[in-house]
Every structure is written in C-alpha cells, then in structure tokens.
C-alpha cells in the first residue's frame, strides 16, 4: 500500500477484500469452474435456440449436449 502505483494498491485492496475466500480454496480445493463451464455451454445453446418452437425442445437440447445422455439402444 506504500507504493505510488495506484494499480498495485487496487490489486492489494482486492486481495485483502477476498482473502478469506482465497484461503478457503486451499482448505477444500473446490472451485465453481465446472458449473461456470456448464453455464457457458447453456448460454451458447441459448444463443442458438432462436429456431425452437417451444421450451421443451430447448430443454431437450440442453439435456442432449450437457446431460451426457446415453443414446445407445
């Protein structure tokens, strides 16, 4: 915080604000990366969903691409 660089002070304040959550990661090693990736994939499907006639077709597409459905007979 003693430096004259405002960018360094900004990062230091951010780290201080989130320090508890940062340290919690090292206790449990759990992140939300998987759920963020899945959400990103669903948002991508949503952007391409303009041609669906109803919600049921949209839901089926999400389950098909994200649900890892077993389609073997």
PDB file of N, CA and C in Angstrom:
ATOM      1  N   UNK A   1       0.819  -1.192   0.000  1.00  0.00           N
ATOM      2  CA  UNK A   1       0.000   0.000   0.000  1.00  0.00           C
ATOM      3  C   UNK A   1       0.866   1.259   0.000  1.00  0.00           C
ATOM      4  N   UNK A   2       2.153   1.095   0.295  1.00  0.00           N
ATOM      5  CA  UNK A   2       3.051   2.239   0.385  1.00  0.00           C
ATOM      6  C   UNK A   2       3.543   2.717  -0.975  1.00  0.00           C
ATOM      7  N   UNK A   3       3.294   1.945  -2.022  1.00  0.00           N
ATOM      8  CA  UNK A   3       3.811   2.307  -3.328  1.00  0.00           C
ATOM      9  C   UNK A   3       3.018   3.469  -3.932  1.00  0.00           C
ATOM     10  N   UNK A   4       3.601   4.113  -4.875  1.00  0.00           N
ATOM     11  CA  UNK A   4       2.935   5.224  -5.539  1.00  0.00           C
ATOM     12  C   UNK A   4       2.088   4.783  -6.718  1.00  0.00           C
ATOM     13  N   UNK A   5       2.057   3.477  -6.988  1.00  0.00           N
ATOM     14  CA  UNK A   5       1.316   2.955  -8.137  1.00  0.00           C
ATOM     15  C   UNK A   5      -0.124   2.639  -7.732  1.00  0.00           C
ATOM     16  N   UNK A   6      -1.056   3.323  -8.360  1.00  0.00           N
ATOM     17  CA  UNK A   6      -2.459   3.113  -7.997  1.00  0.00           C
ATOM     18  C   UNK A   6      -2.944   1.718  -8.388  1.00  0.00           C
ATOM     19  N   UNK A   7      -2.398   1.153  -9.461  1.00  0.00           N
ATOM     20  CA  UNK A   7      -2.811  -0.188  -9.897  1.00  0.00           C
ATOM     21  C   UNK A   7      -2.436  -1.233  -8.859  1.00  0.00           C
ATOM     22  N   UNK A   8      -1.252  -1.098  -8.283  1.00  0.00           N
ATOM     23  CA  UNK A   8      -0.798  -2.057  -7.269  1.00  0.00           C
ATOM     24  C   UNK A   8      -1.674  -1.942  -6.023  1.00  0.00           C
ATOM     25  N   UNK A   9      -2.019  -0.724  -5.647  1.00  0.00           N
ATOM     26  CA  UNK A   9      -2.901  -0.529  -4.489  1.00  0.00           C
ATOM     27  C   UNK A   9      -4.279  -1.130  -4.751  1.00  0.00           C
ATOM     28  N   UNK A  10      -4.764  -0.998  -5.976  1.00  0.00           N
ATOM     29  CA  UNK A  10      -6.075  -1.544  -6.337  1.00  0.00           C
ATOM     30  C   UNK A  10      -6.079  -3.069  -6.198  1.00  0.00           C
ATOM     31  N   UNK A  11      -5.026  -3.716  -6.677  1.00  0.00           N
ATOM     32  CA  UNK A  11      -4.916  -5.176  -6.574  1.00  0.00           C
ATOM     33  C   UNK A  11      -4.782  -5.592  -5.114  1.00  0.00           C
ATOM     34  N   UNK A  12      -4.004  -4.850  -4.332  1.00  0.00           N
ATOM     35  CA  UNK A  12      -3.832  -5.168  -2.914  1.00  0.00           C
ATOM     36  C   UNK A  12      -5.155  -5.070  -2.164  1.00  0.00           C
ATOM     37  N   UNK A  13      -5.952  -4.056  -2.458  1.00  0.00           N
ATOM     38  CA  UNK A  13      -7.262  -3.923  -1.819  1.00  0.00           C
ATOM     39  C   UNK A  13      -8.177  -5.077  -2.204  1.00  0.00           C
ATOM     40  N   UNK A  14      -8.119  -5.476  -3.486  1.00  0.00           N
ATOM     41  CA  UNK A  14      -8.957  -6.579  -3.942  1.00  0.00           C
ATOM     42  C   UNK A  14      -8.554  -7.873  -3.236  1.00  0.00           C
ATOM     43  N   UNK A  15      -7.253  -8.134  -3.115  1.00  0.00           N
ATOM     44  CA  UNK A  15      -6.795  -9.346  -2.440  1.00  0.00           C
ATOM     45  C   UNK A  15      -7.188  -9.335  -0.966  1.00  0.00           C
ATOM     46  N   UNK A  16      -7.079  -8.185  -0.330  1.00  0.00           N
ATOM     47  CA  UNK A  16      -7.463  -8.075   1.076  1.00  0.00           C
ATOM     48  C   UNK A  16      -8.967  -8.341   1.236  1.00  0.00           C
ATOM     49  N   UNK A  17      -9.767  -7.822   0.309  1.00  0.00           N
ATOM     50  CA  UNK A  17     -11.212  -7.998   0.370  1.00  0.00           C
ATOM     51  C   UNK A  17     -11.612  -9.464   0.219  1.00  0.00           C
ATOM     52  N   UNK A  18     -10.898 -10.213  -0.631  1.00  0.00           N
ATOM     53  CA  UNK A  18     -11.246 -11.604  -0.927  1.00  0.00           C
ATOM     54  C   UNK A  18     -10.324 -12.614  -0.249  1.00  0.00           C
ATOM     55  N   UNK A  19      -9.536 -12.179   0.710  1.00  0.00           N
ATOM     56  CA  UNK A  19      -8.541 -13.059   1.327  1.00  0.00           C
ATOM     57  C   UNK A  19      -9.165 -14.298   1.956  1.00  0.00           C
ATOM     58  N   UNK A  20     -10.279 -14.141   2.652  1.00  0.00           N
ATOM     59  CA  UNK A  20     -10.913 -15.286   3.307  1.00  0.00           C
ATOM     60  C   UNK A  20     -11.309 -16.360   2.291  1.00  0.00           C
ATOM     61  N   UNK A  21     -11.899 -15.937   1.160  1.00  0.00           N
ATOM     62  CA  UNK A  21     -12.298 -16.902   0.125  1.00  0.00           C
ATOM     63  C   UNK A  21     -11.083 -17.534  -0.545  1.00  0.00           C
ATOM     64  N   UNK A  22     -10.034 -16.781  -0.726  1.00  0.00           N
ATOM     65  CA  UNK A  22      -8.804 -17.324  -1.330  1.00  0.00           C
ATOM     66  C   UNK A  22      -8.222 -18.394  -0.431  1.00  0.00           C
ATOM     67  N   UNK A  23      -8.175 -18.140   0.861  1.00  0.00           N
ATOM     68  CA  UNK A  23      -7.622 -19.118   1.801  1.00  0.00           C
ATOM     69  C   UNK A  23      -8.516 -20.342   1.947  1.00  0.00           C
ATOM     70  N   UNK A  24      -9.826 -20.170   1.796  1.00  0.00           N
ATOM     71  CA  UNK A  24     -10.753 -21.304   1.857  1.00  0.00           C
ATOM     72  C   UNK A  24     -10.479 -22.286   0.734  1.00  0.00           C
ATOM     73  N   UNK A  25     -10.090 -21.798  -0.417  1.00  0.00           N
ATOM     74  CA  UNK A  25      -9.773 -22.693  -1.537  1.00  0.00           C
ATOM     75  C   UNK A  25      -8.661 -23.670  -1.144  1.00  0.00           C
ATOM     76  N   UNK A  26      -7.657 -23.197  -0.427  1.00  0.00           N
ATOM     77  CA  UNK A  26      -6.548 -24.064  -0.057  1.00  0.00           C
ATOM     78  C   UNK A  26      -6.931 -25.077   1.011  1.00  0.00           C
ATOM     79  N   UNK A  27      -8.050 -24.858   1.704  1.00  0.00           N
ATOM     80  CA  UNK A  27      -8.550 -25.851   2.654  1.00  0.00           C
ATOM     81  C   UNK A  27      -9.323 -26.957   1.949  1.00  0.00           C
ATOM     82  N   UNK A  28     -10.111 -26.605   0.929  1.00  0.00           N
ATOM     83  CA  UNK A  28     -11.013 -27.592   0.323  1.00  0.00           C
ATOM     84  C   UNK A  28     -10.702 -27.939  -1.127  1.00  0.00           C
ATOM     85  N   UNK A  29      -9.958 -27.089  -1.844  1.00  0.00           N
ATOM     86  CA  UNK A  29      -9.625 -27.293  -3.259  1.00  0.00           C
ATOM     87  C   UNK A  29     -10.871 -27.453  -4.126  1.00  0.00           C
ATOM     88  N   UNK A  30     -11.919 -26.737  -3.800  1.00  0.00           N
ATOM     89  CA  UNK A  30     -13.166 -26.783  -4.561  1.00  0.00           C
ATOM     90  C   UNK A  30     -13.360 -25.431  -5.240  1.00  0.00           C
ATOM     91  N   UNK A  31     -13.667 -25.464  -6.537  1.00  0.00           N
ATOM     92  CA  UNK A  31     -13.961 -24.237  -7.269  1.00  0.00           C
ATOM     93  C   UNK A  31     -15.305 -24.396  -7.970  1.00  0.00           C
ATOM     94  N   UNK A  32     -15.787 -23.326  -8.545  1.00  0.00           N
ATOM     95  CA  UNK A  32     -17.030 -23.387  -9.289  1.00  0.00           C
ATOM     96  C   UNK A  32     -16.760 -23.415 -10.793  1.00  0.00           C
ATOM     97  N   UNK A  33     -15.585 -23.845 -11.193  1.00  0.00           N
ATOM     98  CA  UNK A  33     -15.203 -23.860 -12.604  1.00  0.00           C
ATOM     99  C   UNK A  33     -16.113 -24.778 -13.425  1.00  0.00           C
ATOM    100  N   UNK A  34     -16.494 -25.909 -12.876  1.00  0.00           N
ATOM    101  CA  UNK A  34     -17.353 -26.847 -13.600  1.00  0.00           C
ATOM    102  C   UNK A  34     -18.725 -26.236 -13.864  1.00  0.00           C
ATOM    103  N   UNK A  35     -19.292 -25.632 -12.837  1.00  0.00           N
ATOM    104  CA  UNK A  35     -20.613 -25.030 -13.030  1.00  0.00           C
ATOM    105  C   UNK A  35     -20.546 -23.825 -13.958  1.00  0.00           C
ATOM    106  N   UNK A  36     -19.461 -23.066 -13.920  1.00  0.00           N
ATOM    107  CA  UNK A  36     -19.299 -21.935 -14.835  1.00  0.00           C
ATOM    108  C   UNK A  36     -19.160 -22.412 -16.278  1.00  0.00           C
ATOM    109  N   UNK A  37     -18.445 -23.513 -16.484  1.00  0.00           N
ATOM    110  CA  UNK A  37     -18.309 -24.081 -17.825  1.00  0.00           C
ATOM    111  C   UNK A  37     -19.635 -24.582 -18.361  1.00  0.00           C
ATOM    112  N   UNK A  38     -20.402 -25.248 -17.496  1.00  0.00           N
ATOM    113  CA  UNK A  38     -21.716 -25.738 -17.901  1.00  0.00           C
ATOM    114  C   UNK A  38     -22.646 -24.567 -18.212  1.00  0.00           C
ATOM    115  N   UNK A  39     -22.606 -23.528 -17.397  1.00  0.00           N
ATOM    116  CA  UNK A  39     -23.425 -22.345 -17.646  1.00  0.00           C
ATOM    117  C   UNK A  39     -23.043 -21.697 -18.970  1.00  0.00           C
ATOM    118  N   UNK A  40     -21.764 -21.643 -19.276  1.00  0.00           N
ATOM    119  CA  UNK A  40     -21.306 -21.073 -20.538  1.00  0.00           C
ATOM    120  C   UNK A  40     -21.835 -21.877 -21.724  1.00  0.00           C
ATOM    121  N   UNK A  41     -21.819 -23.193 -21.590  1.00  0.00           N
ATOM    122  CA  UNK A  41     -22.321 -24.050 -22.666  1.00  0.00           C
ATOM    123  C   UNK A  41     -23.823 -23.837 -22.862  1.00  0.00           C
ATOM    124  N   UNK A  42     -24.577 -23.716 -21.774  1.00  0.00           N
ATOM    125  CA  UNK A  42     -26.020 -23.490 -21.875  1.00  0.00           C
ATOM    126  C   UNK A  42     -26.297 -22.132 -22.498  1.00  0.00           C
ATOM    127  N   UNK A  43     -25.527 -21.109 -22.134  1.00  0.00           N
ATOM    128  CA  UNK A  43     -25.715 -19.783 -22.721  1.00  0.00           C
ATOM    129  C   UNK A  43     -25.440 -19.812 -24.223  1.00  0.00           C
ATOM    130  N   UNK A  44     -24.467 -20.610 -24.634  1.00  0.00           N
ATOM    131  CA  UNK A  44     -24.179 -20.763 -26.051  1.00  0.00           C
ATOM    132  C   UNK A  44     -25.350 -21.438 -26.771  1.00  0.00           C
ATOM    133  N   UNK A  45     -25.921 -22.467 -26.155  1.00  0.00           N
ATOM    134  CA  UNK A  45     -27.087 -23.129 -26.736  1.00  0.00           C
ATOM    135  C   UNK A  45     -28.270 -22.176 -26.793  1.00  0.00           C
ATOM    136  N   UNK A  46     -28.407 -21.343 -25.769  1.00  0.00           N
ATOM    137  CA  UNK A  46     -29.497 -20.372 -25.733  1.00  0.00           C
ATOM    138  C   UNK A  46     -29.373 -19.374 -26.880  1.00  0.00           C
ATOM    139  N   UNK A  47     -28.148 -18.973 -27.194  1.00  0.00           N
ATOM    140  CA  UNK A  47     -27.931 -18.035 -28.292  1.00  0.00           C
ATOM    141  C   UNK A  47     -28.314 -18.661 -29.629  1.00  0.00           C
ATOM    142  N   UNK A  48     -28.154 -19.959 -29.744  1.00  0.00           N
ATOM    143  CA  UNK A  48     -28.501 -20.661 -30.979  1.00  0.00           C
ATOM    144  C   UNK A  48     -29.938 -21.179 -30.988  1.00  0.00           C
ATOM    145  N   UNK A  49     -30.702 -20.908 -29.935  1.00  0.00           N
ATOM    146  CA  UNK A  49     -32.026 -21.505 -29.774  1.00  0.00           C
ATOM    147  C   UNK A  49     -33.140 -20.695 -30.409  1.00  0.00           C
ATOM    148  N   UNK A  50     -32.833 -19.805 -31.273  1.00  0.00           N
ATOM    149  CA  UNK A  50     -33.876 -18.951 -31.846  1.00  0.00           C
ATOM    150  C   UNK A  50     -34.894 -19.730 -32.673  1.00  0.00           C
ATOM    151  N   UNK A  51     -34.519 -20.900 -33.183  1.00  0.00           N
ATOM    152  CA  UNK A  51     -35.421 -21.634 -34.051  1.00  0.00           C
ATOM    153  C   UNK A  51     -36.321 -22.623 -33.338  1.00  0.00           C
ATOM    154  N   UNK A  52     -36.213 -22.756 -32.023  1.00  0.00           N
ATOM    155  CA  UNK A  52     -37.045 -23.722 -31.305  1.00  0.00           C
ATOM    156  C   UNK A  52     -38.467 -23.207 -31.165  1.00  0.00           C
ATOM    157  N   UNK A  53     -39.425 -24.110 -31.349  1.00  0.00           N
ATOM    158  CA  UNK A  53     -40.830 -23.708 -31.291  1.00  0.00           C
ATOM    159  C   UNK A  53     -41.354 -23.628 -29.864  1.00  0.00           C
ATOM    160  N   UNK A  54     -40.763 -24.414 -28.954  1.00  0.00           N
ATOM    161  CA  UNK A  54     -41.238 -24.378 -27.566  1.00  0.00           C
ATOM    162  C   UNK A  54     -40.095 -24.688 -26.600  1.00  0.00           C
ATOM    163  N   UNK A  55     -40.382 -24.492 -25.322  1.00  0.00           N
ATOM    164  CA  UNK A  55     -39.376 -24.684 -24.292  1.00  0.00           C
ATOM    165  C   UNK A  55     -38.929 -26.136 -24.200  1.00  0.00           C
ATOM    166  N   UNK A  56     -39.824 -27.063 -24.464  1.00  0.00           N
ATOM    167  CA  UNK A  56     -39.485 -28.481 -24.357  1.00  0.00           C
ATOM    168  C   UNK A  56     -38.355 -28.862 -25.317  1.00  0.00           C
ATOM    169  N   UNK A  57     -38.376 -28.315 -26.523  1.00  0.00           N
ATOM    170  CA  UNK A  57     -37.296 -28.590 -27.475  1.00  0.00           C
ATOM    171  C   UNK A  57     -35.974 -27.996 -26.987  1.00  0.00           C
ATOM    172  N   UNK A  58     -36.037 -26.810 -26.405  1.00  0.00           N
ATOM    173  CA  UNK A  58     -34.844 -26.163 -25.847  1.00  0.00           C
ATOM    174  C   UNK A  58     -34.278 -26.999 -24.700  1.00  0.00           C
ATOM    175  N   UNK A  59     -35.161 -27.476 -23.838  1.00  0.00           N
ATOM    176  CA  UNK A  59     -34.743 -28.311 -22.705  1.00  0.00           C
ATOM    177  C   UNK A  59     -34.098 -29.603 -23.195  1.00  0.00           C
ATOM    178  N   UNK A  60     -34.667 -30.218 -24.205  1.00  0.00           N
ATOM    179  CA  UNK A  60     -34.107 -31.446 -24.764  1.00  0.00           C
ATOM    180  C   UNK A  60     -32.712 -31.201 -25.326  1.00  0.00           C
ATOM    181  N   UNK A  61     -32.509 -30.058 -25.962  1.00  0.00           N
ATOM    182  CA  UNK A  61     -31.188 -29.718 -26.496  1.00  0.00           C
ATOM    183  C   UNK A  61     -30.169 -29.571 -25.374  1.00  0.00           C
ATOM    184  N   UNK A  62     -30.556 -28.911 -24.290  1.00  0.00           N
ATOM    185  CA  UNK A  62     -29.648 -28.755 -23.145  1.00  0.00           C
ATOM    186  C   UNK A  62     -29.285 -30.116 -22.574  1.00  0.00           C
ATOM    187  N   UNK A  63     -30.284 -30.979 -22.399  1.00  0.00           N
ATOM    188  CA  UNK A  63     -30.003 -32.314 -21.859  1.00  0.00           C
ATOM    189  C   UNK A  63     -29.140 -33.130 -22.810  1.00  0.00           C
ATOM    190  N   UNK A  64     -29.345 -32.964 -24.095  1.00  0.00           N
ATOM    191  CA  UNK A  64     -28.551 -33.710 -25.078  1.00  0.00           C
ATOM    192  C   UNK A  64     -27.084 -33.293 -25.033  1.00  0.00           C
ATOM    193  N   UNK A  65     -26.823 -31.988 -25.037  1.00  0.00           N
ATOM    194  CA  UNK A  65     -25.441 -31.523 -25.095  1.00  0.00           C
ATOM    195  C   UNK A  65     -24.757 -31.472 -23.729  1.00  0.00           C
ATOM    196  N   UNK A  66     -25.500 -31.271 -22.658  1.00  0.00           N
ATOM    197  CA  UNK A  66     -24.884 -31.109 -21.347  1.00  0.00           C
ATOM    198  C   UNK A  66     -25.147 -32.270 -20.400  1.00  0.00           C
ATOM    199  N   UNK A  67     -26.149 -33.082 -20.695  1.00  0.00           N
ATOM    200  CA  UNK A  67     -26.545 -34.144 -19.784  1.00  0.00           C
ATOM    201  C   UNK A  67     -25.803 -35.441 -19.977  1.00  0.00           C
ATOM    202  N   UNK A  68     -24.970 -35.519 -21.001  1.00  0.00           N
ATOM    203  CA  UNK A  68     -24.225 -36.746 -21.308  1.00  0.00           C
ATOM    204  C   UNK A  68     -25.160 -37.953 -21.384  1.00  0.00           C
ATOM    205  N   UNK A  69     -26.201 -37.798 -22.183  1.00  0.00           N
ATOM    206  CA  UNK A  69     -27.175 -38.857 -22.349  1.00  0.00           C
ATOM    207  C   UNK A  69     -26.587 -40.049 -23.079  1.00  0.00           C
ATOM    208  N   UNK A  70     -26.985 -41.230 -22.661  1.00  0.00           N
ATOM    209  CA  UNK A  70     -26.561 -42.458 -23.335  1.00  0.00           C
ATOM    210  C   UNK A  70     -27.600 -42.770 -24.393  1.00  0.00           C
ATOM    211  N   UNK A  71     -27.236 -42.616 -25.650  1.00  0.00           N
ATOM    212  CA  UNK A  71     -28.185 -42.796 -26.740  1.00  0.00           C
ATOM    213  C   UNK A  71     -28.098 -44.150 -27.405  1.00  0.00           C
ATOM    214  N   UNK A  72     -27.323 -45.046 -26.813  1.00  0.00           N
ATOM    215  CA  UNK A  72     -27.233 -46.395 -27.369  1.00  0.00           C
ATOM    216  C   UNK A  72     -28.533 -47.153 -27.090  1.00  0.00           C
ATOM    217  N   UNK A  73     -29.017 -47.952 -28.075  1.00  0.00           N
ATOM    218  CA  UNK A  73     -30.282 -48.696 -27.870  1.00  0.00           C
ATOM    219  C   UNK A  73     -30.120 -49.803 -26.846  1.00  0.00           C
TER     220      UNK A  73
END
